[in-house]
PDB file of N, CA and C in Angstrom:
ATOM      1  N   MET A   1     -14.699 -27.857   1.238  1.00  0.00           N
ATOM      2  CA  MET A   1     -13.293 -28.147   1.510  1.00  0.00           C
ATOM      3  C   MET A   1     -12.856 -29.291   0.592  1.00  0.00           C
ATOM      4  N   ILE A   2     -11.696 -29.121  -0.001  1.00  0.00           N
ATOM      5  CA  ILE A   2     -11.078 -30.203  -0.759  1.00  0.00           C
ATOM      6  C   ILE A   2      -9.691 -30.457  -0.165  1.00  0.00           C
ATOM      7  N   HIS A   3      -9.202 -31.645  -0.407  1.00  0.00           N
ATOM      8  CA  HIS A   3      -7.867 -32.002   0.065  1.00  0.00           C
ATOM      9  C   HIS A   3      -7.028 -32.427  -1.130  1.00  0.00           C
ATOM     10  N   GLU A   4      -5.760 -32.135  -1.022  1.00  0.00           N
ATOM     11  CA  GLU A   4      -4.809 -32.561  -2.038  1.00  0.00           C
ATOM     12  C   GLU A   4      -3.857 -33.553  -1.388  1.00  0.00           C
ATOM     13  N   LEU A   5      -3.803 -34.743  -1.945  1.00  0.00           N
ATOM     14  CA  LEU A   5      -2.867 -35.758  -1.487  1.00  0.00           C
ATOM     15  C   LEU A   5      -1.632 -35.685  -2.366  1.00  0.00           C
ATOM     16  N   ARG A   6      -0.501 -35.465  -1.730  1.00  0.00           N
ATOM     17  CA  ARG A   6       0.773 -35.408  -2.449  1.00  0.00           C
ATOM     18  C   ARG A   6       1.680 -36.517  -1.915  1.00  0.00           C
ATOM     19  N   ILE A   7       2.313 -37.227  -2.829  1.00  0.00           N
ATOM     20  CA  ILE A   7       3.223 -38.313  -2.468  1.00  0.00           C
ATOM     21  C   ILE A   7       4.573 -38.019  -3.103  1.00  0.00           C
ATOM     22  N   TYR A   8       5.575 -37.881  -2.259  1.00  0.00           N
ATOM     23  CA  TYR A   8       6.934 -37.630  -2.725  1.00  0.00           C
ATOM     24  C   TYR A   8       7.715 -38.936  -2.636  1.00  0.00           C
ATOM     25  N   HIS A   9       8.216 -39.397  -3.765  1.00  0.00           N
ATOM     26  CA  HIS A   9       9.038 -40.598  -3.838  1.00  0.00           C
ATOM     27  C   HIS A   9      10.490 -40.122  -3.859  1.00  0.00           C
ATOM     28  N   CYS A  10      11.208 -40.401  -2.791  1.00  0.00           N
ATOM     29  CA  CYS A  10      12.566 -39.880  -2.637  1.00  0.00           C
ATOM     30  C   CYS A  10      13.600 -40.724  -3.372  1.00  0.00           C
ATOM     31  N   VAL A  11      14.674 -40.063  -3.737  1.00  0.00           N
ATOM     32  CA  VAL A  11      15.867 -40.760  -4.181  1.00  0.00           C
ATOM     33  C   VAL A  11      16.314 -41.624  -2.999  1.00  0.00           C
ATOM     34  N   SER A  12      16.775 -42.827  -3.272  1.00  0.00           N
ATOM     35  CA  SER A  12      17.145 -43.757  -2.206  1.00  0.00           C
ATOM     36  C   SER A  12      18.055 -43.102  -1.164  1.00  0.00           C
ATOM     37  N   GLY A  13      17.649 -43.209   0.105  1.00  0.00           N
ATOM     38  CA  GLY A  13      18.433 -42.679   1.216  1.00  0.00           C
ATOM     39  C   GLY A  13      18.244 -41.197   1.495  1.00  0.00           C
ATOM     40  N   ARG A  14      17.413 -40.501   0.713  1.00  0.00           N
ATOM     41  CA  ARG A  14      17.286 -39.049   0.852  1.00  0.00           C
ATOM     42  C   ARG A  14      16.030 -38.608   1.609  1.00  0.00           C
ATOM     43  N   LEU A  15      15.231 -39.556   2.105  1.00  0.00           N
ATOM     44  CA  LEU A  15      14.041 -39.177   2.866  1.00  0.00           C
ATOM     45  C   LEU A  15      14.387 -38.293   4.066  1.00  0.00           C
ATOM     46  N   PRO A  16      15.431 -38.570   4.850  1.00  0.00           N
ATOM     47  CA  PRO A  16      15.757 -37.672   5.970  1.00  0.00           C
ATOM     48  C   PRO A  16      15.991 -36.228   5.526  1.00  0.00           C
ATOM     49  N   ALA A  17      16.602 -36.020   4.379  1.00  0.00           N
ATOM     50  CA  ALA A  17      16.836 -34.662   3.869  1.00  0.00           C
ATOM     51  C   ALA A  17      15.509 -33.989   3.517  1.00  0.00           C
ATOM     52  N   LEU A  18      14.570 -34.754   2.949  1.00  0.00           N
ATOM     53  CA  LEU A  18      13.264 -34.187   2.616  1.00  0.00           C
ATOM     54  C   LEU A  18      12.500 -33.813   3.883  1.00  0.00           C
ATOM     55  N   LEU A  19      12.521 -34.678   4.872  1.00  0.00           N
ATOM     56  CA  LEU A  19      11.832 -34.388   6.130  1.00  0.00           C
ATOM     57  C   LEU A  19      12.416 -33.135   6.789  1.00  0.00           C
ATOM     58  N   LYS A  20      13.737 -33.022   6.772  1.00  0.00           N
ATOM     59  CA  LYS A  20      14.381 -31.834   7.351  1.00  0.00           C
ATOM     60  C   LYS A  20      13.972 -30.577   6.594  1.00  0.00           C
ATOM     61  N   ARG A  21      13.905 -30.660   5.264  1.00  0.00           N
ATOM     62  CA  ARG A  21      13.533 -29.491   4.466  1.00  0.00           C
ATOM     63  C   ARG A  21      12.108 -29.046   4.787  1.00  0.00           C
ATOM     64  N   PHE A  22      11.180 -29.993   4.902  1.00  0.00           N
ATOM     65  CA  PHE A  22       9.815 -29.613   5.278  1.00  0.00           C
ATOM     66  C   PHE A  22       9.795 -28.979   6.664  1.00  0.00           C
ATOM     67  N   ASP A  23      10.484 -29.610   7.606  1.00  0.00           N
ATOM     68  CA  ASP A  23      10.450 -29.153   8.995  1.00  0.00           C
ATOM     69  C   ASP A  23      11.077 -27.781   9.189  1.00  0.00           C
ATOM     70  N   THR A  24      12.159 -27.503   8.485  1.00  0.00           N
ATOM     71  CA  THR A  24      12.905 -26.271   8.752  1.00  0.00           C
ATOM     72  C   THR A  24      12.702 -25.163   7.719  1.00  0.00           C
ATOM     73  N   ILE A  25      12.176 -25.502   6.541  1.00  0.00           N
ATOM     74  CA  ILE A  25      12.052 -24.502   5.475  1.00  0.00           C
ATOM     75  C   ILE A  25      10.635 -24.414   4.922  1.00  0.00           C
ATOM     76  N   THR A  26      10.158 -25.514   4.368  1.00  0.00           N
ATOM     77  CA  THR A  26       8.917 -25.492   3.585  1.00  0.00           C
ATOM     78  C   THR A  26       7.714 -25.045   4.393  1.00  0.00           C
ATOM     79  N   LEU A  27       7.545 -25.578   5.593  1.00  0.00           N
ATOM     80  CA  LEU A  27       6.350 -25.233   6.375  1.00  0.00           C
ATOM     81  C   LEU A  27       6.295 -23.741   6.707  1.00  0.00           C
ATOM     82  N   LYS A  28       7.439 -23.126   6.938  1.00  0.00           N
ATOM     83  CA  LYS A  28       7.460 -21.679   7.202  1.00  0.00           C
ATOM     84  C   LYS A  28       7.037 -20.891   5.965  1.00  0.00           C
ATOM     85  N   LEU A  29       7.479 -21.343   4.811  1.00  0.00           N
ATOM     86  CA  LEU A  29       7.079 -20.672   3.572  1.00  0.00           C
ATOM     87  C   LEU A  29       5.600 -20.902   3.279  1.00  0.00           C
ATOM     88  N   TRP A  30       5.106 -22.092   3.579  1.00  0.00           N
ATOM     89  CA  TRP A  30       3.671 -22.332   3.409  1.00  0.00           C
ATOM     90  C   TRP A  30       2.863 -21.390   4.291  1.00  0.00           C
ATOM     91  N   GLU A  31       3.314 -21.211   5.523  1.00  0.00           N
ATOM     92  CA  GLU A  31       2.612 -20.300   6.432  1.00  0.00           C
ATOM     93  C   GLU A  31       2.575 -18.889   5.835  1.00  0.00           C
ATOM     94  N   LYS A  32       3.682 -18.458   5.288  1.00  0.00           N
ATOM     95  CA  LYS A  32       3.769 -17.146   4.641  1.00  0.00           C
ATOM     96  C   LYS A  32       2.726 -17.004   3.530  1.00  0.00           C
ATOM     97  N   HIS A  33       2.465 -18.098   2.818  1.00  0.00           N
ATOM     98  CA  HIS A  33       1.541 -18.071   1.679  1.00  0.00           C
ATOM     99  C   HIS A  33       0.127 -18.542   2.043  1.00  0.00           C
ATOM    100  N   GLY A  34      -0.104 -18.886   3.313  1.00  0.00           N
ATOM    101  CA  GLY A  34      -1.441 -19.298   3.736  1.00  0.00           C
ATOM    102  C   GLY A  34      -1.814 -20.718   3.342  1.00  0.00           C
ATOM    103  N   ILE A  35      -0.819 -21.574   3.121  1.00  0.00           N
ATOM    104  CA  ILE A  35      -1.068 -22.971   2.753  1.00  0.00           C
ATOM    105  C   ILE A  35      -1.224 -23.781   4.034  1.00  0.00           C
ATOM    106  N   ARG A  36      -2.325 -24.552   4.112  1.00  0.00           N
ATOM    107  CA  ARG A  36      -2.649 -25.324   5.313  1.00  0.00           C
ATOM    108  C   ARG A  36      -2.427 -26.822   5.072  1.00  0.00           C
ATOM    109  N   GLN A  37      -1.621 -27.412   5.938  1.00  0.00           N
ATOM    110  CA  GLN A  37      -1.424 -28.859   5.857  1.00  0.00           C
ATOM    111  C   GLN A  37      -2.371 -29.559   6.821  1.00  0.00           C
ATOM    112  N   ALA A  38      -2.813 -30.759   6.407  1.00  0.00           N
ATOM    113  CA  ALA A  38      -3.712 -31.560   7.235  1.00  0.00           C
ATOM    114  C   ALA A  38      -3.008 -32.773   7.826  1.00  0.00           C
ATOM    115  N   GLY A  39      -1.755 -32.993   7.474  1.00  0.00           N
ATOM    116  CA  GLY A  39      -1.009 -34.108   8.043  1.00  0.00           C
ATOM    117  C   GLY A  39       0.084 -34.592   7.117  1.00  0.00           C
ATOM    118  N   PHE A  40       1.093 -35.215   7.729  1.00  0.00           N
ATOM    119  CA  PHE A  40       2.225 -35.810   7.020  1.00  0.00           C
ATOM    120  C   PHE A  40       2.417 -37.227   7.521  1.00  0.00           C
ATOM    121  N   TRP A  41       2.793 -38.130   6.627  1.00  0.00           N
ATOM    122  CA  TRP A  41       3.017 -39.519   6.987  1.00  0.00           C
ATOM    123  C   TRP A  41       4.189 -40.093   6.213  1.00  0.00           C
ATOM    124  N   THR A  42       4.938 -40.982   6.874  1.00  0.00           N
ATOM    125  CA  THR A  42       5.910 -41.830   6.204  1.00  0.00           C
ATOM    126  C   THR A  42       5.375 -43.253   6.294  1.00  0.00           C
ATOM    127  N   VAL A  43       5.976 -44.146   5.551  1.00  0.00           N
ATOM    128  CA  VAL A  43       5.495 -45.519   5.467  1.00  0.00           C
ATOM    129  C   VAL A  43       6.229 -46.383   6.496  1.00  0.00           C
ATOM    130  N   ALA A  44       5.481 -46.932   7.455  1.00  0.00           N
ATOM    131  CA  ALA A  44       6.059 -47.845   8.443  1.00  0.00           C
ATOM    132  C   ALA A  44       6.041 -49.275   7.918  1.00  0.00           C
ATOM    133  N   ILE A  45       4.942 -49.648   7.264  1.00  0.00           N
ATOM    134  CA  ILE A  45       4.799 -50.972   6.667  1.00  0.00           C
ATOM    135  C   ILE A  45       4.159 -50.755   5.308  1.00  0.00           C
ATOM    136  N   GLY A  46       4.794 -51.232   4.269  1.00  0.00           N
ATOM    137  CA  GLY A  46       4.246 -51.049   2.929  1.00  0.00           C
ATOM    138  C   GLY A  46       5.320 -51.199   1.868  1.00  0.00           C
ATOM    139  N   ASP A  47       4.994 -50.699   0.684  1.00  0.00           N
ATOM    140  CA  ASP A  47       5.866 -50.909  -0.469  1.00  0.00           C
ATOM    141  C   ASP A  47       7.191 -50.158  -0.391  1.00  0.00           C
ATOM    142  N   SER A  48       7.186 -48.941   0.124  1.00  0.00           N
ATOM    143  CA  SER A  48       8.424 -48.156   0.128  1.00  0.00           C
ATOM    144  C   SER A  48       8.534 -47.320   1.389  1.00  0.00           C
ATOM    145  N   ASN A  49       9.672 -47.393   2.028  1.00  0.00           N
ATOM    146  CA  ASN A  49       9.920 -46.542   3.189  1.00  0.00           C
ATOM    147  C   ASN A  49      10.696 -45.290   2.783  1.00  0.00           C
ATOM    148  N   GLN A  50      10.690 -44.975   1.493  1.00  0.00           N
ATOM    149  CA  GLN A  50      11.353 -43.781   0.972  1.00  0.00           C
ATOM    150  C   GLN A  50      10.342 -42.762   0.446  1.00  0.00           C
ATOM    151  N   ASP A  51       9.088 -42.891   0.912  1.00  0.00           N
ATOM    152  CA  ASP A  51       8.018 -42.007   0.447  1.00  0.00           C
ATOM    153  C   ASP A  51       7.505 -41.139   1.585  1.00  0.00           C
ATOM    154  N   LEU A  52       7.071 -39.941   1.227  1.00  0.00           N
ATOM    155  CA  LEU A  52       6.408 -39.038   2.160  1.00  0.00           C
ATOM    156  C   LEU A  52       5.026 -38.724   1.591  1.00  0.00           C
ATOM    157  N   TYR A  53       4.007 -38.929   2.403  1.00  0.00           N
ATOM    158  CA  TYR A  53       2.626 -38.626   2.036  1.00  0.00           C
ATOM    159  C   TYR A  53       2.182 -37.424   2.856  1.00  0.00           C
ATOM    160  N   TYR A  54       1.455 -36.508   2.221  1.00  0.00           N
ATOM    161  CA  TYR A  54       0.859 -35.432   3.001  1.00  0.00           C
ATOM    162  C   TYR A  54      -0.406 -34.922   2.339  1.00  0.00           C
ATOM    163  N   LEU A  55      -1.239 -34.287   3.178  1.00  0.00           N
ATOM    164  CA  LEU A  55      -2.501 -33.703   2.725  1.00  0.00           C
ATOM    165  C   LEU A  55      -2.472 -32.201   2.921  1.00  0.00           C
ATOM    166  N   LEU A  56      -2.960 -31.491   1.929  1.00  0.00           N
ATOM    167  CA  LEU A  56      -3.174 -30.054   2.029  1.00  0.00           C
ATOM    168  C   LEU A  56      -4.668 -29.794   2.001  1.00  0.00           C
ATOM    169  N   GLU A  57      -5.107 -28.761   2.727  1.00  0.00           N
ATOM    170  CA  GLU A  57      -6.519 -28.369   2.768  1.00  0.00           C
ATOM    171  C   GLU A  57      -6.717 -27.120   1.921  1.00  0.00           C
ATOM    172  N   TRP A  58      -7.739 -27.148   1.099  1.00  0.00           N
ATOM    173  CA  TRP A  58      -8.070 -26.003   0.257  1.00  0.00           C
ATOM    174  C   TRP A  58      -9.563 -25.731   0.341  1.00  0.00           C
ATOM    175  N   GLU A  59      -9.931 -24.473   0.331  1.00  0.00           N
ATOM    176  CA  GLU A  59     -11.349 -24.099   0.275  1.00  0.00           C
ATOM    177  C   GLU A  59     -11.909 -24.349  -1.116  1.00  0.00           C
ATOM    178  N   SER A  60     -11.060 -24.209  -2.137  1.00  0.00           N
ATOM    179  CA  SER A  60     -11.494 -24.363  -3.523  1.00  0.00           C
ATOM    180  C   SER A  60     -10.267 -24.570  -4.408  1.00  0.00           C
ATOM    181  N   LEU A  61     -10.511 -24.971  -5.650  1.00  0.00           N
ATOM    182  CA  LEU A  61      -9.407 -25.087  -6.599  1.00  0.00           C
ATOM    183  C   LEU A  61      -8.802 -23.721  -6.906  1.00  0.00           C
ATOM    184  N   ALA A  62      -9.635 -22.682  -6.878  1.00  0.00           N
ATOM    185  CA  ALA A  62      -9.128 -21.327  -7.108  1.00  0.00           C
ATOM    186  C   ALA A  62      -8.147 -20.928  -6.012  1.00  0.00           C
ATOM    187  N   GLU A  63      -8.464 -21.253  -4.757  1.00  0.00           N
ATOM    188  CA  GLU A  63      -7.533 -20.960  -3.666  1.00  0.00           C
ATOM    189  C   GLU A  63      -6.232 -21.723  -3.874  1.00  0.00           C
ATOM    190  N   ARG A  64      -6.334 -22.980  -4.267  1.00  0.00           N
ATOM    191  CA  ARG A  64      -5.144 -23.788  -4.499  1.00  0.00           C
ATOM    192  C   ARG A  64      -4.280 -23.163  -5.584  1.00  0.00           C
ATOM    193  N   ASP A  65      -4.897 -22.802  -6.692  1.00  0.00           N
ATOM    194  CA  ASP A  65      -4.143 -22.222  -7.800  1.00  0.00           C
ATOM    195  C   ASP A  65      -3.415 -20.954  -7.369  1.00  0.00           C
ATOM    196  N   GLU A  66      -4.100 -20.110  -6.627  1.00  0.00           N
ATOM    197  CA  GLU A  66      -3.521 -18.842  -6.178  1.00  0.00           C
ATOM    198  C   GLU A  66      -2.356 -19.058  -5.217  1.00  0.00           C
ATOM    199  N   LYS A  67      -2.608 -19.808  -4.154  1.00  0.00           N
ATOM    200  CA  LYS A  67      -1.599 -19.951  -3.102  1.00  0.00           C
ATOM    201  C   LYS A  67      -0.453 -20.870  -3.510  1.00  0.00           C
ATOM    202  N   TRP A  68      -0.754 -21.971  -4.187  1.00  0.00           N
ATOM    203  CA  TRP A  68       0.300 -22.892  -4.620  1.00  0.00           C
ATOM    204  C   TRP A  68       1.168 -22.211  -5.676  1.00  0.00           C
ATOM    205  N   GLY A  69       0.536 -21.453  -6.562  1.00  0.00           N
ATOM    206  CA  GLY A  69       1.286 -20.716  -7.572  1.00  0.00           C
ATOM    207  C   GLY A  69       2.229 -19.700  -6.957  1.00  0.00           C
ATOM    208  N   ALA A  70       1.745 -18.970  -5.946  1.00  0.00           N
ATOM    209  CA  ALA A  70       2.592 -17.979  -5.267  1.00  0.00           C
ATOM    210  C   ALA A  70       3.779 -18.666  -4.589  1.00  0.00           C
ATOM    211  N   PHE A  71       3.532 -19.799  -3.948  1.00  0.00           N
ATOM    212  CA  PHE A  71       4.615 -20.548  -3.307  1.00  0.00           C
ATOM    213  C   PHE A  71       5.626 -21.022  -4.348  1.00  0.00           C
ATOM    214  N   GLN A  72       5.144 -21.618  -5.428  1.00  0.00           N
ATOM    215  CA  GLN A  72       6.035 -22.147  -6.465  1.00  0.00           C
ATOM    216  C   GLN A  72       6.888 -21.051  -7.112  1.00  0.00           C
ATOM    217  N   ASN A  73       6.386 -19.827  -7.124  1.00  0.00           N
ATOM    218  CA  ASN A  73       7.115 -18.710  -7.731  1.00  0.00           C
ATOM    219  C   ASN A  73       7.936 -17.898  -6.737  1.00  0.00           C
ATOM    220  N   ASP A  74       7.944 -18.296  -5.473  1.00  0.00           N
ATOM    221  CA  ASP A  74       8.651 -17.571  -4.421  1.00  0.00           C
ATOM    222  C   ASP A  74      10.164 -17.764  -4.586  1.00  0.00           C
ATOM    223  N   SER A  75      10.888 -16.677  -4.759  1.00  0.00           N
ATOM    224  CA  SER A  75      12.342 -16.762  -4.964  1.00  0.00           C
ATOM    225  C   SER A  75      13.051 -17.352  -3.741  1.00  0.00           C
ATOM    226  N   GLU A  76      12.518 -17.103  -2.543  1.00  0.00           N
ATOM    227  CA  GLU A  76      13.114 -17.693  -1.341  1.00  0.00           C
ATOM    228  C   GLU A  76      13.019 -19.214  -1.396  1.00  0.00           C
ATOM    229  N   TRP A  77      11.863 -19.733  -1.853  1.00  0.00           N
ATOM    230  CA  TRP A  77      11.694 -21.181  -1.989  1.00  0.00           C
ATOM    231  C   TRP A  77      12.721 -21.730  -2.975  1.00  0.00           C
ATOM    232  N   HIS A  78      12.906 -21.072  -4.103  1.00  0.00           N
ATOM    233  CA  HIS A  78      13.854 -21.558  -5.109  1.00  0.00           C
ATOM    234  C   HIS A  78      15.277 -21.606  -4.564  1.00  0.00           C
ATOM    235  N   SER A  79      15.692 -20.580  -3.855  1.00  0.00           N
ATOM    236  CA  SER A  79      17.065 -20.552  -3.343  1.00  0.00           C
ATOM    237  C   SER A  79      17.270 -21.566  -2.225  1.00  0.00           C
ATOM    238  N   LYS A  80      16.298 -21.674  -1.315  1.00  0.00           N
ATOM    239  CA  LYS A  80      16.451 -22.626  -0.203  1.00  0.00           C
ATOM    240  C   LYS A  80      16.369 -24.074  -0.696  1.00  0.00           C
ATOM    241  N   ARG A  81      15.497 -24.335  -1.671  1.00  0.00           N
ATOM    242  CA  ARG A  81      15.417 -25.689  -2.231  1.00  0.00           C
ATOM    243  C   ARG A  81      16.753 -26.044  -2.882  1.00  0.00           C
ATOM    244  N   ALA A  82      17.324 -25.106  -3.618  1.00  0.00           N
ATOM    245  CA  ALA A  82      18.622 -25.358  -4.259  1.00  0.00           C
ATOM    246  C   ALA A  82      19.703 -25.665  -3.222  1.00  0.00           C
ATOM    247  N   GLU A  83      19.701 -24.934  -2.103  1.00  0.00           N
ATOM    248  CA  GLU A  83      20.669 -25.196  -1.029  1.00  0.00           C
ATOM    249  C   GLU A  83      20.549 -26.621  -0.513  1.00  0.00           C
ATOM    250  N   THR A  84      19.307 -27.094  -0.338  1.00  0.00           N
ATOM    251  CA  THR A  84      19.105 -28.439   0.215  1.00  0.00           C
ATOM    252  C   THR A  84      19.464 -29.533  -0.782  1.00  0.00           C
ATOM    253  N   GLU A  85      19.598 -29.171  -2.050  1.00  0.00           N
ATOM    254  CA  GLU A  85      19.919 -30.166  -3.074  1.00  0.00           C
ATOM    255  C   GLU A  85      21.355 -30.045  -3.576  1.00  0.00           C
ATOM    256  N   LYS A  86      22.196 -29.346  -2.818  1.00  0.00           N
ATOM    257  CA  LYS A  86      23.595 -29.180  -3.249  1.00  0.00           C
ATOM    258  C   LYS A  86      24.333 -30.521  -3.314  1.00  0.00           C
ATOM    259  N   ASP A  87      23.871 -31.511  -2.535  1.00  0.00           N
ATOM    260  CA  ASP A  87      24.479 -32.847  -2.557  1.00  0.00           C
ATOM    261  C   ASP A  87      23.735 -33.804  -3.481  1.00  0.00           C
ATOM    262  N   GLY A  88      22.806 -33.284  -4.263  1.00  0.00           N
ATOM    263  CA  GLY A  88      22.055 -34.111  -5.203  1.00  0.00           C
ATOM    264  C   GLY A  88      20.563 -34.005  -4.972  1.00  0.00           C
ATOM    265  N   ALA A  89      19.826 -34.507  -5.924  1.00  0.00           N
ATOM    266  CA  ALA A  89      18.363 -34.467  -5.869  1.00  0.00           C
ATOM    267  C   ALA A  89      17.853 -35.213  -4.640  1.00  0.00           C
ATOM    268  N   ILE A  90      16.746 -34.743  -4.111  1.00  0.00           N
ATOM    269  CA  ILE A  90      16.098 -35.383  -2.966  1.00  0.00           C
ATOM    270  C   ILE A  90      14.888 -36.191  -3.436  1.00  0.00           C
ATOM    271  N   VAL A  91      14.107 -35.599  -4.318  1.00  0.00           N
ATOM    272  CA  VAL A  91      12.848 -36.211  -4.754  1.00  0.00           C
ATOM    273  C   VAL A  91      13.009 -36.759  -6.168  1.00  0.00           C
ATOM    274  N   ALA A  92      12.637 -38.043  -6.338  1.00  0.00           N
ATOM    275  CA  ALA A  92      12.695 -38.669  -7.654  1.00  0.00           C
ATOM    276  C   ALA A  92      11.446 -38.350  -8.460  1.00  0.00           C
ATOM    277  N   SER A  93      10.287 -38.363  -7.796  1.00  0.00           N
ATOM    278  CA  SER A  93       9.031 -38.053  -8.480  1.00  0.00           C
ATOM    279  C   SER A  93       7.968 -37.681  -7.457  1.00  0.00           C
ATOM    280  N   VAL A  94       6.925 -37.006  -7.950  1.00  0.00           N
ATOM    281  CA  VAL A  94       5.811 -36.558  -7.110  1.00  0.00           C
ATOM    282  C   VAL A  94       4.514 -36.964  -7.783  1.00  0.00           C
ATOM    283  N   ASN A  95       3.597 -37.487  -6.981  1.00  0.00           N
ATOM    284  CA  ASN A  95       2.229 -37.734  -7.444  1.00  0.00           C
ATOM    285  C   ASN A  95       1.314 -36.849  -6.625  1.00  0.00           C
ATOM    286  N   ASN A  96       0.301 -36.301  -7.263  1.00  0.00           N
ATOM    287  CA  ASN A  96      -0.682 -35.573  -6.475  1.00  0.00           C
ATOM    288  C   ASN A  96      -2.076 -35.799  -7.031  1.00  0.00           C
ATOM    289  N   GLN A  97      -3.034 -35.756  -6.116  1.00  0.00           N
ATOM    290  CA  GLN A  97      -4.429 -35.971  -6.443  1.00  0.00           C
ATOM    291  C   GLN A  97      -5.270 -34.990  -5.642  1.00  0.00           C
ATOM    292  N   ILE A  98      -6.293 -34.432  -6.277  1.00  0.00           N
ATOM    293  CA  ILE A  98      -7.258 -33.600  -5.572  1.00  0.00           C
ATOM    294  C   ILE A  98      -8.396 -34.522  -5.149  1.00  0.00           C
ATOM    295  N   LEU A  99      -8.656 -34.575  -3.847  1.00  0.00           N
ATOM    296  CA  LEU A  99      -9.661 -35.477  -3.292  1.00  0.00           C
ATOM    297  C   LEU A  99     -10.921 -34.704  -2.923  1.00  0.00           C
ATOM    298  N   GLN A 100     -12.050 -35.328  -3.114  1.00  0.00           N
ATOM    299  CA  GLN A 100     -13.339 -34.762  -2.748  1.00  0.00           C
ATOM    300  C   GLN A 100     -13.987 -35.697  -1.740  1.00  0.00           C
ATOM    301  N   PRO A 101     -14.519 -35.185  -0.643  1.00  0.00           N
ATOM    302  CA  PRO A 101     -15.139 -36.089   0.336  1.00  0.00           C
ATOM    303  C   PRO A 101     -16.453 -36.670  -0.195  1.00  0.00           C
ATOM    304  N   THR A 102     -16.722 -37.884   0.209  1.00  0.00           N
ATOM    305  CA  THR A 102     -18.006 -38.492  -0.087  1.00  0.00           C
ATOM    306  C   THR A 102     -19.056 -37.954   0.890  1.00  0.00           C
ATOM    307  N   SER A 103     -20.306 -38.246   0.639  1.00  0.00           N
ATOM    308  CA  SER A 103     -21.369 -37.772   1.518  1.00  0.00           C
ATOM    309  C   SER A 103     -21.273 -38.366   2.918  1.00  0.00           C
ATOM    310  N   PHE A 104     -20.613 -39.521   3.056  1.00  0.00           N
ATOM    311  CA  PHE A 104     -20.516 -40.198   4.355  1.00  0.00           C
ATOM    312  C   PHE A 104     -19.134 -40.064   4.996  1.00  0.00           C
ATOM    313  N   SER A 105     -18.286 -39.206   4.447  1.00  0.00           N
ATOM    314  CA  SER A 105     -16.940 -39.021   4.987  1.00  0.00           C
ATOM    315  C   SER A 105     -16.974 -38.265   6.313  1.00  0.00           C
ATOM    316  N   ALA A 106     -16.161 -38.699   7.268  1.00  0.00           N
ATOM    317  CA  ALA A 106     -16.026 -37.987   8.537  1.00  0.00           C
ATOM    318  C   ALA A 106     -15.279 -36.668   8.326  1.00  0.00           C
ATOM    319  N   VAL A 107     -14.441 -36.610   7.310  1.00  0.00           N
ATOM    320  CA  VAL A 107     -13.709 -35.399   6.976  1.00  0.00           C
ATOM    321  C   VAL A 107     -14.419 -34.742   5.804  1.00  0.00           C
ATOM    322  N   LYS A 108     -14.854 -33.524   5.998  1.00  0.00           N
ATOM    323  CA  LYS A 108     -15.591 -32.799   4.935  1.00  0.00           C
ATOM    324  C   LYS A 108     -14.780 -31.654   4.411  1.00  0.00           C
TER     325      LYS A 108
END
């Protein structure tokens, strides 16, 4: 099992729009494509309260490439994302990292 950590840095004031999009649109499309989330977090104390952190679970990089690619190419995703951005961009930038558990990690 590998995990992907994704960090979305929102345009100032647009975090609520991003949270709504995940809650009402993105997660349903992920389910359609077999994408599994391991958790979502916002920042309560830290550098920015305009960021969303989340983890995705993958069996392998090949699974990630297949399922993430299918999601990214989904025409429904493109149209719904465009609808949510009719008032302007939501996300300023995205960082992502593929994480590998250590031998002593509680999460494998």
